[in-house]
């Protein structure tokens, strides 16, 4: 825009077309993940689940869900696996393993799996 609105006492300026700046949909990635195994933490809810869904859409052979060892997380992981399978039409690509980040022993066990 030719004439942005400057906020007083700052270096921030907004264009007059602010709504289009706030509603930006980035292009869908096209990188293939065919025959790849991807360990992924945080995929049981929210943005992590959406990212895992896109990894499956991009052809990942296996997505390993790393979850903190807690019954609630196990349940959420199962729900995520089911929801992603329903959304993508792809099932059987997920494995779920416990991973307690502060524990080096847990990290070593996760890496060995």
PDB file of N, CA and C in Angstrom:
ATOM      1  N   UNK A   1       0.824  -1.188   0.000  1.00  0.00           N
ATOM      2  CA  UNK A   1       0.000   0.000   0.000  1.00  0.00           C
ATOM      3  C   UNK A   1       0.867   1.249   0.000  1.00  0.00           C
ATOM      4  N   UNK A   2       0.351   2.265  -0.649  1.00  0.00           N
ATOM      5  CA  UNK A   2       1.121   3.487  -0.799  1.00  0.00           C
ATOM      6  C   UNK A   2       1.163   4.343   0.455  1.00  0.00           C
ATOM      7  N   UNK A   3       0.144   4.253   1.289  1.00  0.00           N
ATOM      8  CA  UNK A   3       0.069   5.158   2.419  1.00  0.00           C
ATOM      9  C   UNK A   3      -0.236   4.396   3.720  1.00  0.00           C
ATOM     10  N   UNK A   4       0.756   3.732   4.308  1.00  0.00           N
ATOM     11  CA  UNK A   4       0.485   2.996   5.540  1.00  0.00           C
ATOM     12  C   UNK A   4       0.246   3.954   6.702  1.00  0.00           C
ATOM     13  N   UNK A   5      -0.481   3.474   7.704  1.00  0.00           N
ATOM     14  CA  UNK A   5      -0.748   4.251   8.905  1.00  0.00           C
ATOM     15  C   UNK A   5       0.327   3.946   9.929  1.00  0.00           C
ATOM     16  N   UNK A   6       1.035   4.974  10.391  1.00  0.00           N
ATOM     17  CA  UNK A   6       2.113   4.793  11.356  1.00  0.00           C
ATOM     18  C   UNK A   6       1.565   4.960  12.760  1.00  0.00           C
ATOM     19  N   UNK A   7       1.961   4.071  13.654  1.00  0.00           N
ATOM     20  CA  UNK A   7       1.588   4.179  15.060  1.00  0.00           C
ATOM     21  C   UNK A   7       2.521   5.191  15.710  1.00  0.00           C
ATOM     22  N   UNK A   8       1.961   6.195  16.401  1.00  0.00           N
ATOM     23  CA  UNK A   8       2.813   7.226  17.018  1.00  0.00           C
ATOM     24  C   UNK A   8       3.835   6.620  17.980  1.00  0.00           C
ATOM     25  N   UNK A   9       5.022   7.224  18.022  1.00  0.00           N
ATOM     26  CA  UNK A   9       6.105   6.818  18.922  1.00  0.00           C
ATOM     27  C   UNK A   9       6.550   5.378  18.707  1.00  0.00           C
ATOM     28  N   UNK A  10       6.465   4.898  17.493  1.00  0.00           N
ATOM     29  CA  UNK A  10       6.925   3.535  17.212  1.00  0.00           C
ATOM     30  C   UNK A  10       7.408   3.456  15.774  1.00  0.00           C
ATOM     31  N   UNK A  11       7.988   2.325  15.447  1.00  0.00           N
ATOM     32  CA  UNK A  11       8.413   2.074  14.073  1.00  0.00           C
ATOM     33  C   UNK A  11       7.428   1.164  13.352  1.00  0.00           C
ATOM     34  N   UNK A  12       6.264   0.964  13.937  1.00  0.00           N
ATOM     35  CA  UNK A  12       5.280   0.039  13.386  1.00  0.00           C
ATOM     36  C   UNK A  12       4.303   0.806  12.500  1.00  0.00           C
ATOM     37  N   UNK A  13       4.037   0.269  11.338  1.00  0.00           N
ATOM     38  CA  UNK A  13       3.056   0.860  10.422  1.00  0.00           C
ATOM     39  C   UNK A  13       2.150  -0.249   9.898  1.00  0.00           C
ATOM     40  N   UNK A  14       0.893   0.062   9.764  1.00  0.00           N
ATOM     41  CA  UNK A  14      -0.082  -0.878   9.223  1.00  0.00           C
ATOM     42  C   UNK A  14      -0.622  -0.322   7.924  1.00  0.00           C
ATOM     43  N   UNK A  15      -0.850  -1.203   6.996  1.00  0.00           N
ATOM     44  CA  UNK A  15      -1.473  -0.749   5.761  1.00  0.00           C
ATOM     45  C   UNK A  15      -2.963  -0.591   6.008  1.00  0.00           C
ATOM     46  N   UNK A  16      -3.631   0.060   5.084  1.00  0.00           N
ATOM     47  CA  UNK A  16      -5.078   0.236   5.197  1.00  0.00           C
ATOM     48  C   UNK A  16      -5.809  -1.048   4.873  1.00  0.00           C
ATOM     49  N   UNK A  17      -5.067  -2.036   4.389  1.00  0.00           N
ATOM     50  CA  UNK A  17      -5.647  -3.331   4.057  1.00  0.00           C
ATOM     51  C   UNK A  17      -5.273  -4.346   5.131  1.00  0.00           C
ATOM     52  N   UNK A  18      -5.449  -3.970   6.398  1.00  0.00           N
ATOM     53  CA  UNK A  18      -5.034  -4.790   7.530  1.00  0.00           C
ATOM     54  C   UNK A  18      -5.686  -6.179   7.545  1.00  0.00           C
ATOM     55  N   UNK A  19      -6.972  -6.326   7.266  1.00  0.00           N
ATOM     56  CA  UNK A  19      -7.551  -7.675   7.312  1.00  0.00           C
ATOM     57  C   UNK A  19      -6.834  -8.681   6.426  1.00  0.00           C
ATOM     58  N   UNK A  20      -6.413  -8.263   5.239  1.00  0.00           N
ATOM     59  CA  UNK A  20      -5.726  -9.222   4.368  1.00  0.00           C
ATOM     60  C   UNK A  20      -4.338  -9.549   4.889  1.00  0.00           C
ATOM     61  N   UNK A  21      -3.743  -8.662   5.690  1.00  0.00           N
ATOM     62  CA  UNK A  21      -2.449  -8.955   6.291  1.00  0.00           C
ATOM     63  C   UNK A  21      -2.586  -9.967   7.421  1.00  0.00           C
ATOM     64  N   UNK A  22      -3.709  -9.929   8.117  1.00  0.00           N
ATOM     65  CA  UNK A  22      -3.915 -10.830   9.247  1.00  0.00           C
ATOM     66  C   UNK A  22      -4.408 -12.201   8.817  1.00  0.00           C
ATOM     67  N   UNK A  23      -5.017 -12.285   7.670  1.00  0.00           N
ATOM     68  CA  UNK A  23      -5.556 -13.556   7.186  1.00  0.00           C
ATOM     69  C   UNK A  23      -4.704 -14.007   6.012  1.00  0.00           C
ATOM     70  N   UNK A  24      -3.566 -14.574   6.333  1.00  0.00           N
ATOM     71  CA  UNK A  24      -2.646 -15.050   5.309  1.00  0.00           C
ATOM     72  C   UNK A  24      -2.609 -16.557   5.364  1.00  0.00           C
ATOM     73  N   UNK A  25      -2.870 -17.186   4.266  1.00  0.00           N
ATOM     74  CA  UNK A  25      -2.803 -18.641   4.196  1.00  0.00           C
ATOM     75  C   UNK A  25      -1.569 -19.010   3.379  1.00  0.00           C
ATOM     76  N   UNK A  26      -0.535 -19.532   4.065  1.00  0.00           N
ATOM     77  CA  UNK A  26       0.677 -19.885   3.329  1.00  0.00           C
ATOM     78  C   UNK A  26       0.405 -21.037   2.355  1.00  0.00           C
ATOM     79  N   UNK A  27       1.205 -21.147   1.325  1.00  0.00           N
ATOM     80  CA  UNK A  27       1.013 -22.244   0.379  1.00  0.00           C
ATOM     81  C   UNK A  27       1.284 -23.595   1.046  1.00  0.00           C
ATOM     82  N   UNK A  28       0.544 -24.593   0.626  1.00  0.00           N
ATOM     83  CA  UNK A  28       0.748 -25.936   1.166  1.00  0.00           C
ATOM     84  C   UNK A  28       2.093 -26.458   0.675  1.00  0.00           C
ATOM     85  N   UNK A  29       2.917 -27.014   1.573  1.00  0.00           N
ATOM     86  CA  UNK A  29       4.220 -27.530   1.135  1.00  0.00           C
ATOM     87  C   UNK A  29       4.061 -28.677   0.148  1.00  0.00           C
ATOM     88  N   UNK A  30       5.063 -28.843  -0.695  1.00  0.00           N
ATOM     89  CA  UNK A  30       4.994 -29.911  -1.696  1.00  0.00           C
ATOM     90  C   UNK A  30       6.127 -30.923  -1.540  1.00  0.00           C
ATOM     91  N   UNK A  31       6.943 -30.769  -0.521  1.00  0.00           N
ATOM     92  CA  UNK A  31       8.048 -31.697  -0.287  1.00  0.00           C
ATOM     93  C   UNK A  31       7.500 -33.088  -0.001  1.00  0.00           C
ATOM     94  N   UNK A  32       8.030 -34.083  -0.651  1.00  0.00           N
ATOM     95  CA  UNK A  32       7.580 -35.451  -0.420  1.00  0.00           C
ATOM     96  C   UNK A  32       8.289 -36.051   0.793  1.00  0.00           C
ATOM     97  N   UNK A  33       7.518 -36.728   1.614  1.00  0.00           N
ATOM     98  CA  UNK A  33       8.071 -37.459   2.745  1.00  0.00           C
ATOM     99  C   UNK A  33       7.909 -38.964   2.536  1.00  0.00           C
ATOM    100  N   UNK A  34       7.781 -39.372   1.283  1.00  0.00           N
ATOM    101  CA  UNK A  34       7.614 -40.783   0.951  1.00  0.00           C
ATOM    102  C   UNK A  34       8.788 -41.587   1.500  1.00  0.00           C
ATOM    103  N   UNK A  35       8.478 -42.730   2.080  1.00  0.00           N
ATOM    104  CA  UNK A  35       9.462 -43.658   2.645  1.00  0.00           C
ATOM    105  C   UNK A  35      10.266 -43.056   3.798  1.00  0.00           C
ATOM    106  N   UNK A  36       9.742 -42.024   4.443  1.00  0.00           N
ATOM    107  CA  UNK A  36      10.435 -41.392   5.570  1.00  0.00           C
ATOM    108  C   UNK A  36       9.728 -41.734   6.866  1.00  0.00           C
ATOM    109  N   UNK A  37      10.530 -41.883   7.916  1.00  0.00           N
ATOM    110  CA  UNK A  37      10.011 -42.044   9.275  1.00  0.00           C
ATOM    111  C   UNK A  37      10.280 -40.746  10.004  1.00  0.00           C
ATOM    112  N   UNK A  38       9.234 -40.172  10.595  1.00  0.00           N
ATOM    113  CA  UNK A  38       9.349 -38.863  11.221  1.00  0.00           C
ATOM    114  C   UNK A  38       8.930 -38.944  12.678  1.00  0.00           C
ATOM    115  N   UNK A  39       9.883 -38.745  13.606  1.00  0.00           N
ATOM    116  CA  UNK A  39       9.490 -38.637  15.015  1.00  0.00           C
ATOM    117  C   UNK A  39       8.901 -37.251  15.242  1.00  0.00           C
ATOM    118  N   UNK A  40       7.805 -37.197  15.971  1.00  0.00           N
ATOM    119  CA  UNK A  40       7.093 -35.934  16.115  1.00  0.00           C
ATOM    120  C   UNK A  40       6.560 -35.795  17.528  1.00  0.00           C
ATOM    121  N   UNK A  41       6.935 -34.735  18.197  1.00  0.00           N
ATOM    122  CA  UNK A  41       6.438 -34.461  19.550  1.00  0.00           C
ATOM    123  C   UNK A  41       5.321 -33.433  19.468  1.00  0.00           C
ATOM    124  N   UNK A  42       4.330 -33.580  20.296  1.00  0.00           N
ATOM    125  CA  UNK A  42       3.247 -32.607  20.351  1.00  0.00           C
ATOM    126  C   UNK A  42       2.167 -32.818  19.319  1.00  0.00           C
ATOM    127  N   UNK A  43       2.092 -33.999  18.740  1.00  0.00           N
ATOM    128  CA  UNK A  43       1.123 -34.238  17.671  1.00  0.00           C
ATOM    129  C   UNK A  43      -0.225 -34.708  18.181  1.00  0.00           C
ATOM    130  N   UNK A  44      -0.369 -34.818  19.503  1.00  0.00           N
ATOM    131  CA  UNK A  44      -1.641 -35.347  19.994  1.00  0.00           C
ATOM    132  C   UNK A  44      -2.735 -34.286  20.067  1.00  0.00           C
ATOM    133  N   UNK A  45      -2.389 -32.984  20.008  1.00  0.00           N
ATOM    134  CA  UNK A  45      -3.415 -31.938  20.038  1.00  0.00           C
ATOM    135  C   UNK A  45      -2.966 -30.716  19.245  1.00  0.00           C
ATOM    136  N   UNK A  46      -3.897 -29.840  18.948  1.00  0.00           N
ATOM    137  CA  UNK A  46      -3.622 -28.508  18.422  1.00  0.00           C
ATOM    138  C   UNK A  46      -2.835 -28.447  17.120  1.00  0.00           C
ATOM    139  N   UNK A  47      -1.907 -27.493  17.090  1.00  0.00           N
ATOM    140  CA  UNK A  47      -1.100 -27.279  15.884  1.00  0.00           C
ATOM    141  C   UNK A  47      -0.232 -28.484  15.559  1.00  0.00           C
ATOM    142  N   UNK A  48       0.225 -29.176  16.593  1.00  0.00           N
ATOM    143  CA  UNK A  48       1.024 -30.373  16.366  1.00  0.00           C
ATOM    144  C   UNK A  48       0.243 -31.439  15.614  1.00  0.00           C
ATOM    145  N   UNK A  49      -1.027 -31.592  15.974  1.00  0.00           N
ATOM    146  CA  UNK A  49      -1.858 -32.569  15.269  1.00  0.00           C
ATOM    147  C   UNK A  49      -2.041 -32.151  13.817  1.00  0.00           C
ATOM    148  N   UNK A  50      -2.241 -30.867  13.584  1.00  0.00           N
ATOM    149  CA  UNK A  50      -2.403 -30.385  12.208  1.00  0.00           C
ATOM    150  C   UNK A  50      -1.121 -30.612  11.405  1.00  0.00           C
ATOM    151  N   UNK A  51       0.019 -30.372  12.024  1.00  0.00           N
ATOM    152  CA  UNK A  51       1.297 -30.595  11.342  1.00  0.00           C
ATOM    153  C   UNK A  51       1.476 -32.076  11.024  1.00  0.00           C
ATOM    154  N   UNK A  52       1.140 -32.954  11.972  1.00  0.00           N
ATOM    155  CA  UNK A  52       1.245 -34.399  11.734  1.00  0.00           C
ATOM    156  C   UNK A  52       0.307 -34.831  10.606  1.00  0.00           C
ATOM    157  N   UNK A  53      -0.873 -34.234  10.563  1.00  0.00           N
ATOM    158  CA  UNK A  53      -1.821 -34.529   9.480  1.00  0.00           C
ATOM    159  C   UNK A  53      -1.194 -34.187   8.123  1.00  0.00           C
ATOM    160  N   UNK A  54      -0.540 -33.046   8.052  1.00  0.00           N
ATOM    161  CA  UNK A  54       0.091 -32.648   6.782  1.00  0.00           C
ATOM    162  C   UNK A  54       1.272 -33.546   6.429  1.00  0.00           C
ATOM    163  N   UNK A  55       2.004 -34.033   7.428  1.00  0.00           N
ATOM    164  CA  UNK A  55       3.092 -34.981   7.134  1.00  0.00           C
ATOM    165  C   UNK A  55       2.539 -36.247   6.489  1.00  0.00           C
ATOM    166  N   UNK A  56       1.391 -36.699   6.984  1.00  0.00           N
ATOM    167  CA  UNK A  56       0.755 -37.883   6.388  1.00  0.00           C
ATOM    168  C   UNK A  56       0.298 -37.565   4.968  1.00  0.00           C
ATOM    169  N   UNK A  57      -0.286 -36.389   4.770  1.00  0.00           N
ATOM    170  CA  UNK A  57      -0.716 -35.993   3.420  1.00  0.00           C
ATOM    171  C   UNK A  57       0.456 -35.915   2.447  1.00  0.00           C
ATOM    172  N   UNK A  58       1.634 -35.615   2.980  1.00  0.00           N
ATOM    173  CA  UNK A  58       2.835 -35.519   2.143  1.00  0.00           C
ATOM    174  C   UNK A  58       3.518 -36.871   1.972  1.00  0.00           C
ATOM    175  N   UNK A  59       2.865 -37.940   2.436  1.00  0.00           N
ATOM    176  CA  UNK A  59       3.328 -39.284   2.129  1.00  0.00           C
ATOM    177  C   UNK A  59       4.243 -39.946   3.136  1.00  0.00           C
ATOM    178  N   UNK A  60       4.344 -39.425   4.355  1.00  0.00           N
ATOM    179  CA  UNK A  60       5.228 -40.047   5.350  1.00  0.00           C
ATOM    180  C   UNK A  60       4.869 -41.525   5.524  1.00  0.00           C
ATOM    181  N   UNK A  61       5.884 -42.368   5.511  1.00  0.00           N
ATOM    182  CA  UNK A  61       5.665 -43.801   5.680  1.00  0.00           C
ATOM    183  C   UNK A  61       5.324 -44.136   7.129  1.00  0.00           C
ATOM    184  N   UNK A  62       5.928 -43.405   8.060  1.00  0.00           N
ATOM    185  CA  UNK A  62       5.678 -43.635   9.480  1.00  0.00           C
ATOM    186  C   UNK A  62       5.849 -42.319  10.232  1.00  0.00           C
ATOM    187  N   UNK A  63       4.897 -42.026  11.111  1.00  0.00           N
ATOM    188  CA  UNK A  63       4.989 -40.869  11.998  1.00  0.00           C
ATOM    189  C   UNK A  63       4.967 -41.408  13.418  1.00  0.00           C
ATOM    190  N   UNK A  64       6.040 -41.148  14.137  1.00  0.00           N
ATOM    191  CA  UNK A  64       6.149 -41.626  15.515  1.00  0.00           C
ATOM    192  C   UNK A  64       5.729 -40.493  16.441  1.00  0.00           C
ATOM    193  N   UNK A  65       4.647 -40.713  17.163  1.00  0.00           N
ATOM    194  CA  UNK A  65       4.159 -39.718  18.109  1.00  0.00           C
ATOM    195  C   UNK A  65       4.895 -39.886  19.429  1.00  0.00           C
ATOM    196  N   UNK A  66       5.646 -38.871  19.810  1.00  0.00           N
ATOM    197  CA  UNK A  66       6.349 -38.881  21.092  1.00  0.00           C
ATOM    198  C   UNK A  66       5.462 -38.172  22.101  1.00  0.00           C
ATOM    199  N   UNK A  67       5.009 -38.910  23.123  1.00  0.00           N
ATOM    200  CA  UNK A  67       4.114 -38.332  24.125  1.00  0.00           C
ATOM    201  C   UNK A  67       4.692 -38.524  25.522  1.00  0.00           C
ATOM    202  N   UNK A  68       4.393 -37.582  26.396  1.00  0.00           N
ATOM    203  CA  UNK A  68       4.814 -37.728  27.791  1.00  0.00           C
ATOM    204  C   UNK A  68       4.075 -38.907  28.403  1.00  0.00           C
ATOM    205  N   UNK A  69       4.769 -39.678  29.242  1.00  0.00           N
ATOM    206  CA  UNK A  69       4.119 -40.843  29.835  1.00  0.00           C
ATOM    207  C   UNK A  69       3.042 -40.448  30.841  1.00  0.00           C
ATOM    208  N   UNK A  70       1.803 -40.448  30.393  1.00  0.00           N
ATOM    209  CA  UNK A  70       0.654 -40.120  31.236  1.00  0.00           C
ATOM    210  C   UNK A  70      -0.582 -40.688  30.544  1.00  0.00           C
ATOM    211  N   UNK A  71      -1.487 -41.306  31.308  1.00  0.00           N
ATOM    212  CA  UNK A  71      -2.675 -41.908  30.667  1.00  0.00           C
ATOM    213  C   UNK A  71      -3.463 -40.919  29.804  1.00  0.00           C
ATOM    214  N   UNK A  72      -3.559 -39.651  30.235  1.00  0.00           N
ATOM    215  CA  UNK A  72      -4.287 -38.655  29.448  1.00  0.00           C
ATOM    216  C   UNK A  72      -3.636 -38.479  28.078  1.00  0.00           C
ATOM    217  N   UNK A  73      -2.314 -38.457  28.030  1.00  0.00           N
ATOM    218  CA  UNK A  73      -1.614 -38.289  26.758  1.00  0.00           C
ATOM    219  C   UNK A  73      -1.788 -39.506  25.863  1.00  0.00           C
ATOM    220  N   UNK A  74      -1.814 -40.694  26.462  1.00  0.00           N
ATOM    221  CA  UNK A  74      -2.053 -41.906  25.666  1.00  0.00           C
ATOM    222  C   UNK A  74      -3.421 -41.830  24.997  1.00  0.00           C
ATOM    223  N   UNK A  75      -4.431 -41.394  25.771  1.00  0.00           N
ATOM    224  CA  UNK A  75      -5.785 -41.283  25.224  1.00  0.00           C
ATOM    225  C   UNK A  75      -5.825 -40.237  24.109  1.00  0.00           C
ATOM    226  N   UNK A  76      -5.187 -39.084  24.338  1.00  0.00           N
ATOM    227  CA  UNK A  76      -5.162 -38.046  23.309  1.00  0.00           C
ATOM    228  C   UNK A  76      -4.423 -38.526  22.059  1.00  0.00           C
ATOM    229  N   UNK A  77      -3.364 -39.295  22.253  1.00  0.00           N
ATOM    230  CA  UNK A  77      -2.626 -39.837  21.117  1.00  0.00           C
ATOM    231  C   UNK A  77      -3.479 -40.764  20.280  1.00  0.00           C
ATOM    232  N   UNK A  78      -4.270 -41.600  20.939  1.00  0.00           N
ATOM    233  CA  UNK A  78      -5.163 -42.508  20.217  1.00  0.00           C
ATOM    234  C   UNK A  78      -6.233 -41.725  19.463  1.00  0.00           C
ATOM    235  N   UNK A  79      -6.769 -40.687  20.095  1.00  0.00           N
ATOM    236  CA  UNK A  79      -7.753 -39.834  19.427  1.00  0.00           C
ATOM    237  C   UNK A  79      -7.114 -39.162  18.212  1.00  0.00           C
ATOM    238  N   UNK A  80      -5.875 -38.670  18.376  1.00  0.00           N
ATOM    239  CA  UNK A  80      -5.173 -38.016  17.263  1.00  0.00           C
ATOM    240  C   UNK A  80      -4.960 -38.991  16.113  1.00  0.00           C
ATOM    241  N   UNK A  81      -4.525 -40.209  16.420  1.00  0.00           N
ATOM    242  CA  UNK A  81      -4.317 -41.209  15.371  1.00  0.00           C
ATOM    243  C   UNK A  81      -5.604 -41.453  14.595  1.00  0.00           C
ATOM    244  N   UNK A  82      -6.706 -41.573  15.317  1.00  0.00           N
ATOM    245  CA  UNK A  82      -7.994 -41.823  14.677  1.00  0.00           C
ATOM    246  C   UNK A  82      -8.436 -40.623  13.844  1.00  0.00           C
ATOM    247  N   UNK A  83      -8.303 -39.411  14.405  1.00  0.00           N
ATOM    248  CA  UNK A  83      -8.733 -38.199  13.700  1.00  0.00           C
ATOM    249  C   UNK A  83      -7.905 -37.970  12.440  1.00  0.00           C
ATOM    250  N   UNK A  84      -6.604 -38.179  12.530  1.00  0.00           N
ATOM    251  CA  UNK A  84      -5.743 -37.971  11.359  1.00  0.00           C
ATOM    252  C   UNK A  84      -6.056 -39.018  10.294  1.00  0.00           C
ATOM    253  N   UNK A  85      -6.306 -40.246  10.726  1.00  0.00           N
ATOM    254  CA  UNK A  85      -6.689 -41.294   9.777  1.00  0.00           C
ATOM    255  C   UNK A  85      -7.988 -40.965   9.069  1.00  0.00           C
ATOM    256  N   UNK A  86      -8.967 -40.433   9.818  1.00  0.00           N
ATOM    257  CA  UNK A  86     -10.245 -40.047   9.221  1.00  0.00           C
ATOM    258  C   UNK A  86     -10.069 -38.897   8.249  1.00  0.00           C
ATOM    259  N   UNK A  87      -9.262 -37.898   8.645  1.00  0.00           N
ATOM    260  CA  UNK A  87      -9.047 -36.715   7.804  1.00  0.00           C
ATOM    261  C   UNK A  87      -8.310 -37.044   6.516  1.00  0.00           C
ATOM    262  N   UNK A  88      -7.289 -37.880   6.612  1.00  0.00           N
ATOM    263  CA  UNK A  88      -6.434 -38.149   5.448  1.00  0.00           C
ATOM    264  C   UNK A  88      -6.827 -39.395   4.679  1.00  0.00           C
ATOM    265  N   UNK A  89      -7.579 -40.284   5.307  1.00  0.00           N
ATOM    266  CA  UNK A  89      -7.902 -41.558   4.677  1.00  0.00           C
ATOM    267  C   UNK A  89      -6.750 -42.552   4.753  1.00  0.00           C
ATOM    268  N   UNK A  90      -5.721 -42.215   5.544  1.00  0.00           N
ATOM    269  CA  UNK A  90      -4.539 -43.066   5.684  1.00  0.00           C
ATOM    270  C   UNK A  90      -4.478 -43.572   7.121  1.00  0.00           C
ATOM    271  N   UNK A  91      -4.353 -44.876   7.270  1.00  0.00           N
ATOM    272  CA  UNK A  91      -4.221 -45.446   8.612  1.00  0.00           C
ATOM    273  C   UNK A  91      -2.980 -46.333   8.662  1.00  0.00           C
ATOM    274  N   UNK A  92      -2.565 -46.656   9.865  1.00  0.00           N
ATOM    275  CA  UNK A  92      -1.459 -47.577  10.043  1.00  0.00           C
ATOM    276  C   UNK A  92      -0.079 -46.956   9.905  1.00  0.00           C
ATOM    277  N   UNK A  93       0.006 -45.625   9.830  1.00  0.00           N
ATOM    278  CA  UNK A  93       1.321 -44.999   9.705  1.00  0.00           C
ATOM    279  C   UNK A  93       1.838 -44.478  11.046  1.00  0.00           C
ATOM    280  N   UNK A  94       1.014 -44.562  12.088  1.00  0.00           N
ATOM    281  CA  UNK A  94       1.408 -43.998  13.378  1.00  0.00           C
ATOM    282  C   UNK A  94       1.876 -45.054  14.358  1.00  0.00           C
ATOM    283  N   UNK A  95       2.914 -44.679  15.090  1.00  0.00           N
ATOM    284  CA  UNK A  95       3.330 -45.417  16.272  1.00  0.00           C
ATOM    285  C   UNK A  95       3.437 -44.394  17.390  1.00  0.00           C
ATOM    286  N   UNK A  96       3.183 -44.825  18.606  1.00  0.00           N
ATOM    287  CA  UNK A  96       3.216 -43.898  19.723  1.00  0.00           C
ATOM    288  C   UNK A  96       4.152 -44.443  20.793  1.00  0.00           C
ATOM    289  N   UNK A  97       5.107 -43.610  21.207  1.00  0.00           N
ATOM    290  CA  UNK A  97       6.068 -43.994  22.238  1.00  0.00           C
ATOM    291  C   UNK A  97       6.116 -42.922  23.319  1.00  0.00           C
ATOM    292  N   UNK A  98       6.355 -43.374  24.540  1.00  0.00           N
ATOM    293  CA  UNK A  98       6.545 -42.440  25.648  1.00  0.00           C
ATOM    294  C   UNK A  98       7.895 -41.750  25.510  1.00  0.00           C
ATOM    295  N   UNK A  99       7.900 -40.467  25.831  1.00  0.00           N
ATOM    296  CA  UNK A  99       9.146 -39.704  25.842  1.00  0.00           C
ATOM    297  C   UNK A  99       9.045 -38.644  26.935  1.00  0.00           C
ATOM    298  N   UNK A 100       9.847 -38.814  27.971  1.00  0.00           N
ATOM    299  CA  UNK A 100       9.911 -37.851  29.076  1.00  0.00           C
ATOM    300  C   UNK A 100      11.184 -37.033  28.876  1.00  0.00           C
ATOM    301  N   UNK A 101      11.047 -35.850  28.288  1.00  0.00           N
ATOM    302  CA  UNK A 101      12.204 -35.050  27.873  1.00  0.00           C
ATOM    303  C   UNK A 101      13.253 -34.814  28.966  1.00  0.00           C
ATOM    304  N   UNK A 102      12.855 -34.517  30.197  1.00  0.00           N
ATOM    305  CA  UNK A 102      13.890 -34.250  31.215  1.00  0.00           C
ATOM    306  C   UNK A 102      14.713 -35.486  31.600  1.00  0.00           C
ATOM    307  N   UNK A 103      14.245 -36.653  31.227  1.00  0.00           N
ATOM    308  CA  UNK A 103      14.931 -37.891  31.589  1.00  0.00           C
ATOM    309  C   UNK A 103      15.812 -38.367  30.435  1.00  0.00           C
ATOM    310  N   UNK A 104      17.117 -38.333  30.642  1.00  0.00           N
ATOM    311  CA  UNK A 104      18.016 -38.800  29.580  1.00  0.00           C
ATOM    312  C   UNK A 104      17.806 -40.278  29.298  1.00  0.00           C
ATOM    313  N   UNK A 105      17.450 -41.047  30.333  1.00  0.00           N
ATOM    314  CA  UNK A 105      17.182 -42.477  30.124  1.00  0.00           C
ATOM    315  C   UNK A 105      15.979 -42.660  29.184  1.00  0.00           C
ATOM    316  N   UNK A 106      14.939 -41.844  29.375  1.00  0.00           N
ATOM    317  CA  UNK A 106      13.760 -41.924  28.527  1.00  0.00           C
ATOM    318  C   UNK A 106      14.097 -41.543  27.082  1.00  0.00           C
ATOM    319  N   UNK A 107      14.915 -40.530  26.903  1.00  0.00           N
ATOM    320  CA  UNK A 107      15.330 -40.106  25.567  1.00  0.00           C
ATOM    321  C   UNK A 107      16.125 -41.214  24.868  1.00  0.00           C
ATOM    322  N   UNK A 108      16.991 -41.887  25.607  1.00  0.00           N
ATOM    323  CA  UNK A 108      17.785 -42.980  25.028  1.00  0.00           C
ATOM    324  C   UNK A 108      16.900 -44.151  24.628  1.00  0.00           C
ATOM    325  N   UNK A 109      15.919 -44.479  25.476  1.00  0.00           N
ATOM    326  CA  UNK A 109      14.977 -45.562  25.149  1.00  0.00           C
ATOM    327  C   UNK A 109      14.167 -45.196  23.907  1.00  0.00           C
ATOM    328  N   UNK A 110      13.699 -43.942  23.847  1.00  0.00           N
ATOM    329  CA  UNK A 110      12.924 -43.486  22.685  1.00  0.00           C
ATOM    330  C   UNK A 110      13.776 -43.589  21.414  1.00  0.00           C
ATOM    331  N   UNK A 111      15.027 -43.146  21.488  1.00  0.00           N
ATOM    332  CA  UNK A 111      15.902 -43.178  20.319  1.00  0.00           C
ATOM    333  C   UNK A 111      16.194 -44.610  19.864  1.00  0.00           C
ATOM    334  N   UNK A 112      16.277 -45.529  20.805  1.00  0.00           N
ATOM    335  CA  UNK A 112      16.563 -46.921  20.464  1.00  0.00           C
ATOM    336  C   UNK A 112      15.380 -47.610  19.778  1.00  0.00           C
ATOM    337  N   UNK A 113      14.193 -47.115  20.045  1.00  0.00           N
ATOM    338  CA  UNK A 113      12.998 -47.721  19.440  1.00  0.00           C
ATOM    339  C   UNK A 113      12.928 -47.331  17.988  1.00  0.00           C
TER     340      UNK A 113
END
